[in-house]
Amino acid sequence: MKAPHSVFETVFAFPPNRDTLGGTAYFIKTSSGNGLVDCPAWNDATRQFLDAQGGVHWSFLTHRTGKGAIRHIQSAFDCPILVQEQEAYLIPDTTRTQFHQSHSLDEIELFWTPGHSPGSACLYLPSYGGVLFTGRHLLPDTMGLPRPLRTSKTFHWPRQLHHVQAILERFSSETLQYICPGANTGFLRGAHAIAEAYDKLSAFDVDRARSEQPMG
């Protein structure tokens, strides 16, 4: 079992988790305590790593398939789950904080970006020039560029594109230096995050994507 690798001094990425369809989860240290973004594989190695870091004080789900073994993690660390309200019903009998449009934890911002799933959401960390944890809302394509990727399971493609545009309007090249995606990290070819993230995302033609025919 591979150990989590350091993305930044206070951010670690876990190996892809087959329980979340190959998703990548992250551990971050913040002024609000230690947090998880989505769920890593739950095993002895994960437990030992989290114990060595001082445990988990909160966890955040970017979308419904990121939940994995969230109940086991909450049971082990007694940490609340932060989740957009439209995904909350999928984790009954848990201690959770639901939000609609947005939620803040000191310097961290969580905000709703529906499209990939009804309750898809992102986490913004202002450190390191701005890091956006995008779950499956934005993923690296085969060239390693951050893109919304439409699949047969995409909940609402036009809405997803709308929220890509909203991210471009919300941030700038000065405030969004990196994206930590929730899957497809193999396309980063050894890099641990997408650098120059805003500039690379701004090259995506939202209007052209809107005009494309929907998938059959």
N, C-alpha and C. Protein backbone atom coordinates (compact mmCIF):
# COMPACT_ATOMS: atom_id res chain seq x y z
N MET A 1 0.83 -1.19 0.00
CA MET A 1 0.00 0.00 0.00
C MET A 1 0.87 1.25 0.00
N LYS A 2 0.72 2.13 -1.00
CA LYS A 2 1.52 3.34 -1.08
C LYS A 2 1.10 4.33 0.00
N ALA A 3 2.07 5.05 0.53
CA ALA A 3 1.80 6.07 1.52
C ALA A 3 1.31 7.34 0.83
N PRO A 4 0.56 8.17 1.52
CA PRO A 4 0.19 9.47 0.94
C PRO A 4 1.44 10.27 0.59
N HIS A 5 1.38 11.05 -0.47
CA HIS A 5 2.52 11.87 -0.84
C HIS A 5 2.22 13.34 -0.60
N SER A 6 3.26 14.08 -0.33
CA SER A 6 3.11 15.50 -0.04
C SER A 6 2.87 16.30 -1.32
N VAL A 7 1.80 17.08 -1.32
CA VAL A 7 1.51 18.00 -2.43
C VAL A 7 2.10 19.37 -2.11
N PHE A 8 1.82 19.84 -0.90
CA PHE A 8 2.41 21.04 -0.32
C PHE A 8 2.78 20.69 1.12
N GLU A 9 3.34 21.63 1.82
CA GLU A 9 3.77 21.35 3.19
C GLU A 9 2.63 20.88 4.07
N THR A 10 1.43 21.39 3.83
CA THR A 10 0.28 21.04 4.67
C THR A 10 -0.80 20.28 3.92
N VAL A 11 -0.48 19.76 2.76
CA VAL A 11 -1.46 19.03 1.93
C VAL A 11 -0.85 17.72 1.47
N PHE A 12 -1.59 16.63 1.66
CA PHE A 12 -1.15 15.30 1.25
C PHE A 12 -2.23 14.65 0.39
N ALA A 13 -1.82 13.92 -0.61
CA ALA A 13 -2.75 13.18 -1.48
C ALA A 13 -2.62 11.69 -1.22
N PHE A 14 -3.75 11.02 -1.06
CA PHE A 14 -3.77 9.57 -0.90
C PHE A 14 -3.77 8.88 -2.26
N PRO A 15 -3.33 7.63 -2.32
CA PRO A 15 -3.45 6.88 -3.56
C PRO A 15 -4.91 6.75 -3.99
N PRO A 16 -5.17 6.60 -5.29
CA PRO A 16 -6.55 6.41 -5.75
C PRO A 16 -7.24 5.27 -5.00
N ASN A 17 -8.50 5.50 -4.71
CA ASN A 17 -9.29 4.58 -3.88
C ASN A 17 -10.34 3.88 -4.74
N ARG A 18 -10.25 2.57 -4.87
CA ARG A 18 -11.22 1.86 -5.70
C ARG A 18 -12.62 1.92 -5.13
N ASP A 19 -12.76 2.17 -3.82
CA ASP A 19 -14.09 2.29 -3.22
C ASP A 19 -14.79 3.58 -3.61
N THR A 20 -14.04 4.53 -4.17
CA THR A 20 -14.63 5.77 -4.68
C THR A 20 -14.37 5.90 -6.18
N LEU A 21 -14.38 4.75 -6.86
CA LEU A 21 -14.20 4.69 -8.31
C LEU A 21 -12.88 5.32 -8.75
N GLY A 22 -11.82 5.03 -7.99
CA GLY A 22 -10.51 5.54 -8.34
C GLY A 22 -10.28 6.98 -7.93
N GLY A 23 -11.08 7.48 -7.01
CA GLY A 23 -10.95 8.86 -6.59
C GLY A 23 -9.71 9.11 -5.74
N THR A 24 -9.23 10.36 -5.79
CA THR A 24 -8.10 10.79 -4.99
C THR A 24 -8.62 11.65 -3.83
N ALA A 25 -8.30 11.26 -2.61
CA ALA A 25 -8.66 12.03 -1.42
C ALA A 25 -7.44 12.79 -0.93
N TYR A 26 -7.68 13.85 -0.18
CA TYR A 26 -6.61 14.71 0.32
C TYR A 26 -6.74 14.91 1.83
N PHE A 27 -5.60 15.07 2.47
CA PHE A 27 -5.51 15.45 3.88
C PHE A 27 -4.88 16.83 3.94
N ILE A 28 -5.53 17.76 4.65
CA ILE A 28 -4.98 19.11 4.75
C ILE A 28 -4.96 19.57 6.20
N LYS A 29 -3.91 20.31 6.53
CA LYS A 29 -3.79 20.91 7.86
C LYS A 29 -4.14 22.39 7.73
N THR A 30 -5.09 22.84 8.55
CA THR A 30 -5.55 24.22 8.47
C THR A 30 -5.70 24.79 9.87
N SER A 31 -6.04 26.08 9.94
CA SER A 31 -6.29 26.70 11.23
C SER A 31 -7.56 26.15 11.88
N SER A 32 -8.39 25.48 11.09
CA SER A 32 -9.61 24.84 11.62
C SER A 32 -9.37 23.39 11.99
N GLY A 33 -8.11 22.97 12.00
CA GLY A 33 -7.79 21.59 12.34
C GLY A 33 -7.50 20.78 11.09
N ASN A 34 -7.24 19.51 11.30
CA ASN A 34 -6.94 18.60 10.20
C ASN A 34 -8.22 18.18 9.49
N GLY A 35 -8.18 18.20 8.17
CA GLY A 35 -9.37 17.84 7.41
C GLY A 35 -9.10 16.85 6.30
N LEU A 36 -10.13 16.13 5.92
CA LEU A 36 -10.09 15.25 4.76
C LEU A 36 -11.00 15.80 3.68
N VAL A 37 -10.52 15.77 2.45
CA VAL A 37 -11.34 16.08 1.28
C VAL A 37 -11.60 14.76 0.59
N ASP A 38 -12.84 14.28 0.69
CA ASP A 38 -13.24 12.95 0.23
C ASP A 38 -12.53 11.86 1.04
N CYS A 39 -12.79 10.62 0.69
CA CYS A 39 -12.36 9.52 1.55
C CYS A 39 -11.25 8.67 0.93
N PRO A 40 -10.18 8.51 1.66
CA PRO A 40 -9.15 7.55 1.22
C PRO A 40 -9.61 6.13 1.52
N ALA A 41 -8.89 5.16 1.01
CA ALA A 41 -9.16 3.77 1.39
C ALA A 41 -8.97 3.65 2.90
N TRP A 42 -9.90 2.94 3.55
CA TRP A 42 -9.83 2.80 5.00
C TRP A 42 -9.14 1.49 5.34
N ASN A 43 -7.90 1.58 5.83
CA ASN A 43 -7.11 0.42 6.16
C ASN A 43 -6.10 0.81 7.24
N ASP A 44 -5.28 -0.11 7.66
CA ASP A 44 -4.32 0.16 8.73
C ASP A 44 -3.35 1.28 8.37
N ALA A 45 -2.90 1.29 7.11
CA ALA A 45 -1.95 2.32 6.70
C ALA A 45 -2.56 3.71 6.78
N THR A 46 -3.80 3.83 6.33
CA THR A 46 -4.49 5.12 6.42
C THR A 46 -4.68 5.54 7.87
N ARG A 47 -5.12 4.60 8.70
CA ARG A 47 -5.34 4.91 10.11
C ARG A 47 -4.03 5.35 10.78
N GLN A 48 -2.95 4.67 10.50
CA GLN A 48 -1.66 5.02 11.10
C GLN A 48 -1.19 6.40 10.63
N PHE A 49 -1.37 6.70 9.36
CA PHE A 49 -0.98 8.01 8.86
C PHE A 49 -1.79 9.11 9.54
N LEU A 50 -3.09 8.94 9.61
CA LEU A 50 -3.94 9.96 10.21
C LEU A 50 -3.67 10.12 11.70
N ASP A 51 -3.43 9.02 12.39
CA ASP A 51 -3.07 9.10 13.81
C ASP A 51 -1.77 9.88 13.99
N ALA A 52 -0.80 9.62 13.13
CA ALA A 52 0.50 10.28 13.24
C ALA A 52 0.40 11.78 12.98
N GLN A 53 -0.60 12.18 12.19
CA GLN A 53 -0.79 13.59 11.89
C GLN A 53 -1.64 14.31 12.95
N GLY A 54 -2.13 13.56 13.92
CA GLY A 54 -2.95 14.17 14.96
C GLY A 54 -4.44 13.97 14.78
N GLY A 55 -4.82 13.04 13.89
CA GLY A 55 -6.24 12.74 13.71
C GLY A 55 -6.92 13.62 12.68
N VAL A 56 -8.24 13.49 12.62
CA VAL A 56 -9.07 14.24 11.67
C VAL A 56 -10.11 15.02 12.46
N HIS A 57 -10.23 16.30 12.19
CA HIS A 57 -11.17 17.16 12.92
C HIS A 57 -12.43 17.47 12.12
N TRP A 58 -12.37 17.31 10.80
CA TRP A 58 -13.54 17.49 9.95
C TRP A 58 -13.26 16.80 8.61
N SER A 59 -14.30 16.47 7.90
CA SER A 59 -14.15 15.90 6.57
C SER A 59 -15.15 16.57 5.64
N PHE A 60 -14.80 16.63 4.38
CA PHE A 60 -15.62 17.30 3.38
C PHE A 60 -15.80 16.39 2.18
N LEU A 61 -17.04 16.25 1.72
CA LEU A 61 -17.34 15.45 0.55
C LEU A 61 -17.60 16.36 -0.64
N THR A 62 -16.82 16.18 -1.70
CA THR A 62 -17.00 17.01 -2.89
C THR A 62 -18.16 16.54 -3.76
N HIS A 63 -18.54 15.28 -3.64
CA HIS A 63 -19.62 14.73 -4.45
C HIS A 63 -19.98 13.36 -3.89
N ARG A 64 -21.04 12.79 -4.37
CA ARG A 64 -21.62 11.58 -3.76
C ARG A 64 -20.72 10.35 -3.85
N THR A 65 -19.96 10.18 -4.90
CA THR A 65 -19.13 8.97 -4.98
C THR A 65 -17.83 9.11 -4.18
N GLY A 66 -17.63 10.25 -3.53
CA GLY A 66 -16.44 10.43 -2.72
C GLY A 66 -16.59 9.96 -1.29
N LYS A 67 -17.76 9.40 -0.95
CA LYS A 67 -18.02 9.12 0.46
C LYS A 67 -17.29 7.88 0.98
N GLY A 68 -17.09 6.88 0.14
CA GLY A 68 -16.30 5.71 0.55
C GLY A 68 -16.66 5.23 1.95
N ALA A 69 -15.64 5.12 2.80
CA ALA A 69 -15.80 4.61 4.16
C ALA A 69 -15.96 5.76 5.17
N ILE A 70 -16.72 6.78 4.79
CA ILE A 70 -16.84 7.96 5.64
C ILE A 70 -17.38 7.63 7.03
N ARG A 71 -18.25 6.64 7.13
CA ARG A 71 -18.78 6.28 8.45
C ARG A 71 -17.69 5.72 9.36
N HIS A 72 -16.79 4.92 8.81
CA HIS A 72 -15.69 4.37 9.60
C HIS A 72 -14.75 5.47 10.06
N ILE A 73 -14.50 6.43 9.19
CA ILE A 73 -13.62 7.53 9.55
C ILE A 73 -14.25 8.38 10.63
N GLN A 74 -15.54 8.65 10.49
CA GLN A 74 -16.21 9.44 11.53
C GLN A 74 -16.23 8.69 12.86
N SER A 75 -16.46 7.42 12.81
CA SER A 75 -16.46 6.62 14.03
C SER A 75 -15.08 6.64 14.70
N ALA A 76 -14.02 6.59 13.90
CA ALA A 76 -12.67 6.54 14.45
C ALA A 76 -12.23 7.86 15.04
N PHE A 77 -12.65 8.98 14.44
CA PHE A 77 -12.12 10.28 14.83
C PHE A 77 -13.18 11.25 15.36
N ASP A 78 -14.43 10.83 15.34
CA ASP A 78 -15.52 11.68 15.83
C ASP A 78 -15.50 13.05 15.14
N CYS A 79 -15.35 13.03 13.83
CA CYS A 79 -15.24 14.27 13.07
C CYS A 79 -16.53 14.53 12.28
N PRO A 80 -17.04 15.74 12.30
CA PRO A 80 -18.25 16.04 11.53
C PRO A 80 -17.96 16.00 10.03
N ILE A 81 -19.00 15.74 9.25
CA ILE A 81 -18.90 15.70 7.80
C ILE A 81 -19.54 16.96 7.24
N LEU A 82 -18.82 17.67 6.40
CA LEU A 82 -19.34 18.84 5.70
C LEU A 82 -19.78 18.40 4.32
N VAL A 83 -21.01 18.71 3.95
CA VAL A 83 -21.54 18.20 2.69
C VAL A 83 -22.64 19.14 2.17
N GLN A 84 -22.69 19.30 0.86
CA GLN A 84 -23.78 20.07 0.27
C GLN A 84 -25.09 19.33 0.51
N GLU A 85 -26.15 20.07 0.74
CA GLU A 85 -27.39 19.49 1.24
C GLU A 85 -28.00 18.43 0.32
N GLN A 86 -27.75 18.50 -0.99
CA GLN A 86 -28.35 17.53 -1.89
C GLN A 86 -27.63 16.19 -1.90
N GLU A 87 -26.47 16.11 -1.27
CA GLU A 87 -25.78 14.83 -1.14
C GLU A 87 -25.94 14.24 0.26
N ALA A 88 -26.47 15.03 1.20
CA ALA A 88 -26.48 14.62 2.60
C ALA A 88 -27.34 13.39 2.85
N TYR A 89 -28.40 13.21 2.07
CA TYR A 89 -29.29 12.07 2.31
C TYR A 89 -28.59 10.73 2.07
N LEU A 90 -27.47 10.76 1.37
CA LEU A 90 -26.74 9.53 1.06
C LEU A 90 -25.89 9.04 2.23
N ILE A 91 -25.77 9.86 3.27
CA ILE A 91 -25.00 9.46 4.45
C ILE A 91 -25.87 9.63 5.70
N PRO A 92 -26.98 8.89 5.78
CA PRO A 92 -27.83 9.00 6.97
C PRO A 92 -27.11 8.47 8.20
N ASP A 93 -27.63 8.85 9.35
CA ASP A 93 -27.08 8.37 10.63
C ASP A 93 -25.62 8.76 10.80
N THR A 94 -25.26 9.95 10.31
CA THR A 94 -23.93 10.50 10.54
C THR A 94 -24.08 11.91 11.12
N THR A 95 -23.04 12.38 11.77
CA THR A 95 -23.01 13.76 12.24
C THR A 95 -22.47 14.62 11.11
N ARG A 96 -23.28 15.54 10.63
CA ARG A 96 -22.89 16.30 9.45
C ARG A 96 -23.38 17.75 9.52
N THR A 97 -22.68 18.59 8.81
CA THR A 97 -23.07 19.98 8.62
C THR A 97 -23.41 20.16 7.15
N GLN A 98 -24.66 20.48 6.87
CA GLN A 98 -25.11 20.65 5.50
C GLN A 98 -25.09 22.13 5.14
N PHE A 99 -24.78 22.43 3.90
CA PHE A 99 -24.84 23.81 3.44
C PHE A 99 -25.52 23.86 2.08
N HIS A 100 -26.00 25.04 1.73
CA HIS A 100 -26.65 25.21 0.44
C HIS A 100 -25.67 25.82 -0.56
N GLN A 101 -25.48 27.14 -0.52
CA GLN A 101 -24.58 27.79 -1.47
C GLN A 101 -23.12 27.71 -1.05
N SER A 102 -22.85 27.97 0.25
CA SER A 102 -21.46 28.04 0.68
C SER A 102 -21.35 27.83 2.18
N HIS A 103 -20.12 27.60 2.62
CA HIS A 103 -19.84 27.42 4.04
C HIS A 103 -18.36 27.76 4.25
N SER A 104 -18.05 28.37 5.40
CA SER A 104 -16.67 28.76 5.69
C SER A 104 -16.16 28.10 6.95
N LEU A 105 -14.88 27.75 6.93
CA LEU A 105 -14.16 27.28 8.11
C LEU A 105 -12.91 28.14 8.21
N ASP A 106 -13.00 29.22 8.97
CA ASP A 106 -11.89 30.17 9.04
C ASP A 106 -11.49 30.57 7.62
N GLU A 107 -10.27 30.26 7.18
CA GLU A 107 -9.83 30.72 5.87
C GLU A 107 -10.35 29.86 4.72
N ILE A 108 -10.89 28.69 5.01
CA ILE A 108 -11.35 27.76 3.98
C ILE A 108 -12.76 28.13 3.52
N GLU A 109 -13.00 28.04 2.22
CA GLU A 109 -14.32 28.27 1.66
C GLU A 109 -14.80 27.01 0.94
N LEU A 110 -16.05 26.62 1.22
CA LEU A 110 -16.70 25.55 0.49
C LEU A 110 -17.82 26.18 -0.33
N PHE A 111 -17.96 25.77 -1.57
CA PHE A 111 -19.06 26.35 -2.36
C PHE A 111 -19.59 25.33 -3.36
N TRP A 112 -20.87 25.45 -3.61
CA TRP A 112 -21.66 24.52 -4.42
C TRP A 112 -21.35 24.72 -5.90
N THR A 113 -21.05 23.62 -6.59
CA THR A 113 -20.78 23.65 -8.03
C THR A 113 -21.52 22.49 -8.70
N PRO A 114 -22.85 22.52 -8.72
CA PRO A 114 -23.61 21.39 -9.26
C PRO A 114 -23.38 21.19 -10.75
N GLY A 115 -23.59 19.98 -11.18
CA GLY A 115 -23.44 19.64 -12.59
C GLY A 115 -22.95 18.22 -12.72
N HIS A 116 -21.76 17.95 -12.19
CA HIS A 116 -21.29 16.56 -12.19
C HIS A 116 -22.27 15.70 -11.40
N SER A 117 -22.64 16.16 -10.23
CA SER A 117 -23.71 15.56 -9.43
C SER A 117 -24.52 16.71 -8.86
N PRO A 118 -25.72 16.44 -8.33
CA PRO A 118 -26.55 17.55 -7.83
C PRO A 118 -25.88 18.38 -6.74
N GLY A 119 -25.10 17.72 -5.87
CA GLY A 119 -24.48 18.43 -4.76
C GLY A 119 -22.98 18.55 -4.87
N SER A 120 -22.45 18.49 -6.07
CA SER A 120 -21.01 18.66 -6.26
C SER A 120 -20.56 20.00 -5.67
N ALA A 121 -19.42 20.00 -4.99
CA ALA A 121 -18.92 21.22 -4.35
C ALA A 121 -17.39 21.21 -4.35
N CYS A 122 -16.83 22.41 -4.23
CA CYS A 122 -15.37 22.58 -4.22
C CYS A 122 -14.93 23.19 -2.89
N LEU A 123 -13.66 23.01 -2.57
CA LEU A 123 -13.04 23.59 -1.39
C LEU A 123 -11.89 24.46 -1.84
N TYR A 124 -11.86 25.71 -1.33
CA TYR A 124 -10.80 26.65 -1.68
C TYR A 124 -9.93 26.92 -0.47
N LEU A 125 -8.63 26.73 -0.65
CA LEU A 125 -7.62 27.00 0.37
C LEU A 125 -6.76 28.15 -0.15
N PRO A 126 -6.73 29.31 0.53
CA PRO A 126 -6.00 30.46 -0.01
C PRO A 126 -4.48 30.34 0.07
N SER A 127 -3.97 29.36 0.78
CA SER A 127 -2.53 29.18 0.88
C SER A 127 -1.92 28.82 -0.47
N TYR A 128 -0.59 29.02 -0.59
CA TYR A 128 0.19 28.62 -1.77
C TYR A 128 -0.26 29.32 -3.05
N GLY A 129 -0.84 30.49 -2.92
CA GLY A 129 -1.34 31.21 -4.08
C GLY A 129 -2.75 30.83 -4.48
N GLY A 130 -3.40 29.99 -3.66
CA GLY A 130 -4.77 29.57 -3.93
C GLY A 130 -4.83 28.17 -4.49
N VAL A 131 -5.43 27.26 -3.73
CA VAL A 131 -5.58 25.86 -4.15
C VAL A 131 -7.05 25.51 -4.14
N LEU A 132 -7.56 24.99 -5.24
CA LEU A 132 -8.95 24.58 -5.36
C LEU A 132 -9.02 23.06 -5.44
N PHE A 133 -9.72 22.46 -4.50
CA PHE A 133 -9.97 21.02 -4.50
C PHE A 133 -11.32 20.82 -5.20
N THR A 134 -11.29 20.22 -6.38
CA THR A 134 -12.45 20.25 -7.26
C THR A 134 -13.26 18.97 -7.31
N GLY A 135 -12.85 17.93 -6.60
CA GLY A 135 -13.58 16.67 -6.74
C GLY A 135 -13.60 16.26 -8.20
N ARG A 136 -14.79 15.93 -8.72
CA ARG A 136 -14.92 15.58 -10.13
C ARG A 136 -15.56 16.70 -10.95
N HIS A 137 -15.71 17.87 -10.36
CA HIS A 137 -16.23 19.02 -11.11
C HIS A 137 -15.24 19.43 -12.20
N LEU A 138 -13.96 19.49 -11.85
CA LEU A 138 -12.89 19.75 -12.81
C LEU A 138 -11.85 18.66 -12.66
N LEU A 139 -11.48 18.05 -13.77
CA LEU A 139 -10.50 16.96 -13.77
C LEU A 139 -9.44 17.22 -14.83
N PRO A 140 -8.25 16.66 -14.69
CA PRO A 140 -7.28 16.77 -15.78
C PRO A 140 -7.71 15.92 -16.97
N ASP A 141 -7.61 16.51 -18.16
CA ASP A 141 -7.84 15.71 -19.36
C ASP A 141 -6.55 14.97 -19.71
N THR A 142 -6.50 14.37 -20.88
CA THR A 142 -5.33 13.56 -21.23
C THR A 142 -4.05 14.39 -21.36
N MET A 143 -4.20 15.71 -21.51
CA MET A 143 -3.05 16.61 -21.57
C MET A 143 -2.73 17.22 -20.21
N GLY A 144 -3.48 16.82 -19.19
CA GLY A 144 -3.25 17.35 -17.85
C GLY A 144 -3.87 18.70 -17.61
N LEU A 145 -4.78 19.14 -18.50
CA LEU A 145 -5.42 20.45 -18.36
C LEU A 145 -6.72 20.32 -17.57
N PRO A 146 -7.04 21.28 -16.69
CA PRO A 146 -8.27 21.19 -15.89
C PRO A 146 -9.49 21.46 -16.77
N ARG A 147 -10.41 20.51 -16.76
CA ARG A 147 -11.58 20.62 -17.63
C ARG A 147 -12.80 19.98 -16.96
N PRO A 148 -14.01 20.45 -17.26
CA PRO A 148 -15.20 19.67 -16.93
C PRO A 148 -15.30 18.54 -17.94
N LEU A 149 -15.47 17.34 -17.49
CA LEU A 149 -15.50 16.20 -18.39
C LEU A 149 -16.89 15.57 -18.37
N ARG A 150 -17.57 15.64 -19.48
CA ARG A 150 -18.93 15.10 -19.57
C ARG A 150 -18.88 13.60 -19.77
N THR A 151 -19.64 12.87 -18.98
CA THR A 151 -19.74 11.42 -19.10
C THR A 151 -21.21 11.02 -19.13
N SER A 152 -21.46 9.74 -19.30
CA SER A 152 -22.84 9.25 -19.32
C SER A 152 -23.53 9.45 -17.97
N LYS A 153 -22.73 9.64 -16.90
CA LYS A 153 -23.31 9.82 -15.56
C LYS A 153 -23.38 11.28 -15.13
N THR A 154 -22.98 12.19 -16.00
CA THR A 154 -23.05 13.61 -15.66
C THR A 154 -24.50 14.00 -15.38
N PHE A 155 -24.73 14.64 -14.26
CA PHE A 155 -26.09 15.00 -13.85
C PHE A 155 -26.69 16.08 -14.73
N HIS A 156 -25.97 17.19 -14.96
CA HIS A 156 -26.53 18.31 -15.70
C HIS A 156 -25.38 19.10 -16.33
N TRP A 157 -25.08 18.81 -17.59
CA TRP A 157 -23.93 19.41 -18.26
C TRP A 157 -24.02 20.94 -18.37
N PRO A 158 -25.12 21.53 -18.82
CA PRO A 158 -25.18 23.00 -18.87
C PRO A 158 -24.95 23.66 -17.51
N ARG A 159 -25.48 23.05 -16.46
CA ARG A 159 -25.27 23.61 -15.13
C ARG A 159 -23.80 23.50 -14.73
N GLN A 160 -23.17 22.39 -15.08
CA GLN A 160 -21.75 22.24 -14.77
C GLN A 160 -20.93 23.32 -15.49
N LEU A 161 -21.22 23.56 -16.75
CA LEU A 161 -20.51 24.59 -17.49
C LEU A 161 -20.74 25.97 -16.88
N HIS A 162 -21.95 26.22 -16.42
CA HIS A 162 -22.24 27.49 -15.76
C HIS A 162 -21.32 27.70 -14.55
N HIS A 163 -21.08 26.65 -13.81
CA HIS A 163 -20.26 26.79 -12.61
C HIS A 163 -18.77 26.78 -12.92
N VAL A 164 -18.38 26.27 -14.08
CA VAL A 164 -17.00 26.50 -14.53
C VAL A 164 -16.80 27.99 -14.78
N GLN A 165 -17.76 28.61 -15.47
CA GLN A 165 -17.67 30.04 -15.72
C GLN A 165 -17.68 30.83 -14.42
N ALA A 166 -18.47 30.37 -13.45
CA ALA A 166 -18.53 31.06 -12.17
C ALA A 166 -17.18 31.02 -11.44
N ILE A 167 -16.46 29.91 -11.57
CA ILE A 167 -15.13 29.83 -10.98
C ILE A 167 -14.18 30.82 -11.64
N LEU A 168 -14.26 30.95 -12.96
CA LEU A 168 -13.41 31.90 -13.67
C LEU A 168 -13.71 33.33 -13.24
N GLU A 169 -14.97 33.61 -12.94
CA GLU A 169 -15.34 34.96 -12.50
C GLU A 169 -15.00 35.19 -11.03
N ARG A 170 -14.97 34.15 -10.26
CA ARG A 170 -14.72 34.26 -8.82
C ARG A 170 -13.23 34.47 -8.51
N PHE A 171 -12.36 33.82 -9.31
CA PHE A 171 -10.93 33.84 -9.03
C PHE A 171 -10.18 34.57 -10.14
N SER A 172 -8.87 34.59 -9.98
CA SER A 172 -7.98 35.19 -10.98
C SER A 172 -6.68 34.39 -10.99
N SER A 173 -5.77 34.76 -11.87
CA SER A 173 -4.49 34.05 -11.92
C SER A 173 -3.68 34.30 -10.65
N GLU A 174 -4.00 35.36 -9.91
CA GLU A 174 -3.31 35.64 -8.65
C GLU A 174 -3.90 34.86 -7.48
N THR A 175 -5.17 34.48 -7.57
CA THR A 175 -5.83 33.81 -6.44
C THR A 175 -6.08 32.33 -6.66
N LEU A 176 -5.80 31.82 -7.86
CA LEU A 176 -6.00 30.39 -8.14
C LEU A 176 -4.79 29.86 -8.89
N GLN A 177 -3.79 29.45 -8.12
CA GLN A 177 -2.55 28.96 -8.71
C GLN A 177 -2.57 27.46 -8.96
N TYR A 178 -3.35 26.71 -8.16
CA TYR A 178 -3.32 25.25 -8.24
C TYR A 178 -4.72 24.65 -8.16
N ILE A 179 -4.89 23.53 -8.82
CA ILE A 179 -6.08 22.69 -8.68
C ILE A 179 -5.63 21.31 -8.24
N CYS A 180 -6.27 20.79 -7.21
CA CYS A 180 -6.08 19.40 -6.77
C CYS A 180 -7.34 18.64 -7.15
N PRO A 181 -7.30 17.87 -8.23
CA PRO A 181 -8.49 17.18 -8.71
C PRO A 181 -8.79 15.92 -7.93
N GLY A 182 -10.05 15.49 -7.99
CA GLY A 182 -10.48 14.33 -7.24
C GLY A 182 -10.37 13.01 -7.98
N ALA A 183 -9.80 13.01 -9.17
CA ALA A 183 -9.61 11.77 -9.94
C ALA A 183 -8.73 12.11 -11.15
N ASN A 184 -8.44 11.09 -11.96
CA ASN A 184 -7.64 11.26 -13.18
C ASN A 184 -6.23 11.79 -12.90
N THR A 185 -5.73 11.60 -11.69
CA THR A 185 -4.44 12.19 -11.34
C THR A 185 -3.27 11.55 -12.11
N GLY A 186 -3.47 10.39 -12.69
CA GLY A 186 -2.43 9.79 -13.52
C GLY A 186 -2.09 10.64 -14.72
N PHE A 187 -3.06 11.44 -15.20
CA PHE A 187 -2.81 12.31 -16.35
C PHE A 187 -1.90 13.48 -16.00
N LEU A 188 -1.60 13.66 -14.72
CA LEU A 188 -0.68 14.74 -14.32
C LEU A 188 0.78 14.32 -14.49
N ARG A 189 0.99 13.04 -14.80
CA ARG A 189 2.32 12.52 -15.14
C ARG A 189 3.39 12.87 -14.09
N GLY A 190 3.06 12.54 -12.85
CA GLY A 190 4.02 12.72 -11.78
C GLY A 190 3.87 14.02 -11.01
N ALA A 191 3.18 15.00 -11.58
CA ALA A 191 2.90 16.22 -10.84
C ALA A 191 1.84 15.92 -9.79
N HIS A 192 1.85 16.65 -8.71
CA HIS A 192 0.90 16.38 -7.63
C HIS A 192 -0.28 17.33 -7.61
N ALA A 193 -0.26 18.34 -8.47
CA ALA A 193 -1.37 19.29 -8.60
C ALA A 193 -1.25 19.95 -9.97
N ILE A 194 -2.32 20.56 -10.43
CA ILE A 194 -2.29 21.30 -11.69
C ILE A 194 -1.82 22.72 -11.39
N ALA A 195 -0.63 23.07 -11.85
CA ALA A 195 -0.08 24.41 -11.64
C ALA A 195 -0.60 25.37 -12.71
N GLU A 196 -0.48 26.68 -12.44
CA GLU A 196 -1.00 27.71 -13.34
C GLU A 196 -2.46 27.40 -13.68
N ALA A 197 -3.19 27.02 -12.65
CA ALA A 197 -4.53 26.45 -12.84
C ALA A 197 -5.49 27.43 -13.48
N TYR A 198 -5.50 28.67 -13.02
CA TYR A 198 -6.47 29.63 -13.57
C TYR A 198 -6.22 29.86 -15.06
N ASP A 199 -4.96 30.08 -15.41
CA ASP A 199 -4.65 30.34 -16.82
C ASP A 199 -5.02 29.15 -17.70
N LYS A 200 -4.78 27.96 -17.22
CA LYS A 200 -5.11 26.76 -18.01
C LYS A 200 -6.62 26.57 -18.11
N LEU A 201 -7.34 26.87 -17.04
CA LEU A 201 -8.80 26.73 -17.09
C LEU A 201 -9.42 27.81 -17.97
N SER A 202 -8.86 29.01 -17.94
CA SER A 202 -9.44 30.11 -18.73
C SER A 202 -9.31 29.86 -20.22
N ALA A 203 -8.42 28.94 -20.62
CA ALA A 203 -8.29 28.59 -22.04
C ALA A 203 -9.43 27.69 -22.52
N PHE A 204 -10.22 27.16 -21.58
CA PHE A 204 -11.35 26.30 -21.95
C PHE A 204 -12.48 27.17 -22.50
N ASP A 205 -12.99 26.80 -23.64
CA ASP A 205 -14.05 27.57 -24.31
C ASP A 205 -15.42 27.11 -23.81
N VAL A 206 -15.94 27.80 -22.79
CA VAL A 206 -17.22 27.43 -22.21
C VAL A 206 -18.35 27.58 -23.23
N ASP A 207 -18.34 28.65 -24.01
CA ASP A 207 -19.40 28.87 -24.98
C ASP A 207 -19.42 27.78 -26.05
N ARG A 208 -18.25 27.37 -26.50
CA ARG A 208 -18.21 26.30 -27.49
C ARG A 208 -18.75 25.00 -26.90
N ALA A 209 -18.39 24.71 -25.64
CA ALA A 209 -18.89 23.49 -25.00
C ALA A 209 -20.40 23.53 -24.86
N ARG A 210 -20.95 24.71 -24.63
CA ARG A 210 -22.41 24.84 -24.51
C ARG A 210 -23.11 24.51 -25.83
N SER A 211 -22.45 24.83 -26.92
CA SER A 211 -23.08 24.65 -28.24
C SER A 211 -22.96 23.23 -28.76
N GLU A 212 -22.15 22.41 -28.12
CA GLU A 212 -21.98 21.04 -28.59
C GLU A 212 -23.24 20.23 -28.33
N GLN A 213 -23.46 19.24 -29.16
CA GLN A 213 -24.63 18.39 -29.02
C GLN A 213 -24.48 17.51 -27.77
N PRO A 214 -25.58 17.27 -27.03
CA PRO A 214 -25.48 16.38 -25.87
C PRO A 214 -25.17 14.97 -26.28
N MET A 215 -24.61 14.22 -25.34
CA MET A 215 -24.28 12.83 -25.60
C MET A 215 -25.53 12.01 -25.86
N GLY A 216 -25.44 11.02 -26.73
CA GLY A 216 -26.56 10.14 -26.99
C GLY A 216 -26.66 9.05 -25.96
